[in-house]
N, C-alpha and C. Protein backbone atom coordinates (compact mmCIF):
# COMPACT_ATOMS: atom_id res chain seq x y z
N MET A 1 -35.40 30.48 -19.74
CA MET A 1 -33.93 29.70 -19.76
C MET A 1 -33.53 30.04 -18.35
N LYS A 2 -33.88 31.27 -18.13
CA LYS A 2 -33.10 31.36 -16.42
C LYS A 2 -33.77 30.56 -15.51
N LYS A 3 -35.21 30.41 -15.49
CA LYS A 3 -35.62 29.60 -14.70
C LYS A 3 -35.32 27.89 -14.84
N ILE A 4 -35.22 27.59 -15.82
CA ILE A 4 -34.39 26.24 -15.93
C ILE A 4 -33.24 25.91 -15.27
N ALA A 5 -32.26 26.85 -15.74
CA ALA A 5 -30.96 27.13 -15.27
C ALA A 5 -30.95 27.27 -13.52
N LEU A 6 -31.81 27.79 -13.06
CA LEU A 6 -31.97 27.98 -11.88
C LEU A 6 -32.64 26.64 -10.79
N ALA A 7 -33.60 25.99 -11.73
CA ALA A 7 -34.06 24.96 -10.91
C ALA A 7 -33.17 23.59 -11.19
N ALA A 8 -32.05 23.73 -12.17
CA ALA A 8 -31.37 22.64 -12.13
C ALA A 8 -30.33 22.88 -11.37
N ALA A 9 -29.93 24.04 -11.08
CA ALA A 9 -28.70 24.28 -9.95
C ALA A 9 -29.43 24.14 -8.59
N LEU A 10 -30.88 24.48 -8.13
CA LEU A 10 -31.25 24.03 -7.09
C LEU A 10 -31.56 22.56 -6.85
N SER A 11 -31.75 22.15 -8.19
CA SER A 11 -31.88 20.42 -7.59
C SER A 11 -30.52 19.77 -7.48
N LEU A 12 -29.74 20.38 -7.74
CA LEU A 12 -28.13 19.55 -7.79
C LEU A 12 -28.08 19.79 -6.28
N ALA A 13 -28.20 21.16 -6.02
CA ALA A 13 -27.37 21.50 -4.58
C ALA A 13 -28.48 20.67 -3.83
N ALA A 14 -29.83 20.51 -3.86
CA ALA A 14 -30.72 19.64 -3.23
C ALA A 14 -30.31 18.35 -2.98
N SER A 15 -29.79 17.75 -3.94
CA SER A 15 -29.88 16.28 -4.07
C SER A 15 -28.36 16.00 -3.21
N THR A 16 -27.40 16.99 -3.18
CA THR A 16 -26.04 16.71 -2.43
C THR A 16 -26.16 16.83 -0.83
N ALA A 17 -27.31 17.72 -0.61
CA ALA A 17 -27.50 18.21 0.92
C ALA A 17 -28.03 17.01 1.39
N PHE A 18 -28.87 16.00 0.66
CA PHE A 18 -29.12 14.96 1.16
C PHE A 18 -28.72 13.74 0.75
N ALA A 19 -27.42 13.71 0.29
CA ALA A 19 -26.62 12.43 0.37
C ALA A 19 -26.33 11.89 1.51
N GLY A 20 -26.41 12.68 2.62
CA GLY A 20 -25.93 11.86 3.63
C GLY A 20 -24.47 12.44 4.27
N GLY A 21 -24.28 12.48 5.72
CA GLY A 21 -23.03 12.80 6.08
C GLY A 21 -22.24 11.81 6.40
N LEU A 22 -21.24 12.25 7.41
CA LEU A 22 -20.05 11.48 7.77
C LEU A 22 -20.54 10.54 9.01
N ALA A 23 -20.68 9.27 8.93
CA ALA A 23 -21.16 8.70 9.95
C ALA A 23 -19.91 7.44 10.45
N THR A 24 -19.85 7.28 11.72
CA THR A 24 -18.57 6.44 12.33
C THR A 24 -18.65 4.79 11.66
N PRO A 25 -17.80 4.54 10.97
CA PRO A 25 -18.11 3.17 10.19
C PRO A 25 -18.13 1.96 11.70
N ILE A 26 -18.78 1.07 11.45
CA ILE A 26 -19.09 0.10 12.43
C ILE A 26 -18.31 -0.98 12.07
N VAL A 27 -17.35 -1.32 12.83
CA VAL A 27 -16.14 -2.36 12.78
C VAL A 27 -16.61 -3.49 13.45
N GLU A 28 -16.94 -4.87 12.98
CA GLU A 28 -16.99 -5.72 13.73
C GLU A 28 -15.50 -6.16 14.12
N PRO A 29 -15.25 -6.77 15.44
CA PRO A 29 -14.09 -7.31 15.88
C PRO A 29 -13.61 -8.65 15.49
N PRO A 30 -12.36 -9.12 14.91
CA PRO A 30 -12.10 -10.27 14.44
C PRO A 30 -12.79 -11.38 15.12
N VAL A 31 -13.17 -12.33 14.33
CA VAL A 31 -13.30 -13.73 15.16
C VAL A 31 -12.23 -14.56 15.57
N VAL A 32 -11.89 -14.97 16.46
CA VAL A 32 -10.62 -15.90 17.00
C VAL A 32 -11.08 -16.89 17.35
N GLU A 33 -10.71 -17.95 16.65
CA GLU A 33 -11.16 -19.28 16.86
C GLU A 33 -10.05 -19.91 18.20
N ALA A 34 -10.69 -20.58 19.09
CA ALA A 34 -9.84 -21.39 19.87
C ALA A 34 -8.95 -22.48 19.04
N LYS A 35 -8.00 -22.78 19.35
CA LYS A 35 -7.11 -24.02 19.20
C LYS A 35 -7.66 -25.17 19.66
N THR A 36 -7.91 -26.11 18.85
CA THR A 36 -8.46 -27.40 19.16
C THR A 36 -7.14 -28.26 19.82
N SER A 37 -7.38 -29.13 20.80
CA SER A 37 -6.10 -30.20 21.12
C SER A 37 -6.34 -31.17 20.39
N SER A 38 -5.38 -31.54 19.87
CA SER A 38 -5.59 -32.95 18.84
C SER A 38 -5.11 -34.35 19.79
N SER A 39 -5.49 -35.21 19.28
CA SER A 39 -4.75 -36.35 20.24
C SER A 39 -3.21 -36.65 20.19
N SER A 40 -2.42 -35.56 19.59
CA SER A 40 -1.18 -35.79 19.77
C SER A 40 -0.51 -35.48 21.01
N GLY A 41 -1.17 -34.70 22.02
CA GLY A 41 -0.74 -34.61 23.11
C GLY A 41 -0.37 -36.01 23.99
N ILE A 42 -1.48 -36.91 23.76
CA ILE A 42 -1.62 -38.26 24.39
C ILE A 42 -0.48 -39.13 23.60
N LEU A 43 -0.60 -39.06 22.41
CA LEU A 43 0.18 -39.90 21.23
C LEU A 43 1.58 -39.90 21.79
N ILE A 44 2.37 -38.98 22.15
CA ILE A 44 3.78 -39.24 22.36
C ILE A 44 4.06 -39.82 23.58
N PRO A 45 3.11 -39.66 24.77
CA PRO A 45 3.22 -40.54 25.90
C PRO A 45 3.17 -42.07 25.54
N LEU A 46 1.94 -42.17 24.92
CA LEU A 46 1.75 -43.58 24.59
C LEU A 46 3.05 -44.44 23.63
N LEU A 47 3.40 -43.65 23.03
CA LEU A 47 4.59 -44.00 21.89
C LEU A 47 5.68 -44.32 22.72
N LEU A 48 6.10 -43.51 23.69
CA LEU A 48 7.11 -43.88 24.59
C LEU A 48 6.63 -44.95 25.54
N LEU A 49 5.49 -44.93 26.03
CA LEU A 49 5.30 -46.57 26.69
C LEU A 49 5.46 -47.53 25.93
N VAL A 50 5.03 -47.52 24.69
CA VAL A 50 5.39 -48.80 23.91
C VAL A 50 6.77 -49.03 23.63
N ILE A 51 7.71 -48.02 23.25
CA ILE A 51 8.93 -48.48 23.03
C ILE A 51 9.79 -48.90 24.51
N VAL A 52 9.50 -48.30 25.53
CA VAL A 52 9.74 -49.03 26.87
C VAL A 52 9.37 -50.30 27.09
N ALA A 53 8.03 -50.53 26.82
CA ALA A 53 7.75 -51.93 26.92
C ALA A 53 8.49 -52.89 26.06
N ALA A 54 8.85 -52.37 24.68
CA ALA A 54 9.18 -53.28 24.06
C ALA A 54 10.79 -53.70 24.36
N ALA A 55 11.60 -52.61 25.01
CA ALA A 55 12.77 -52.70 25.32
C ALA A 55 12.75 -53.75 26.55
N ALA A 56 11.71 -53.35 27.53
CA ALA A 56 11.65 -54.12 28.72
C ALA A 56 11.70 -55.66 28.39
N SER A 57 10.99 -55.97 27.19
CA SER A 57 10.53 -57.41 27.11
C SER A 57 11.64 -58.06 26.37
N LYS A 58 12.89 -57.44 26.06
CA LYS A 58 13.91 -58.35 25.34
C LYS A 58 14.97 -58.56 26.26
């Protein structure tokens, strides 16, 4: 009975010894997406040109 208890204690101790140690976590940097410019940058000047042309034609 002592041998069984000793074997069980040794097997538990051996399993925790090989469980692994502390390792530094690998953290990936966040992905930053570039903002895409839409056609609204040119839409406002074109709209202003249409308004000025409409006002000039009257």
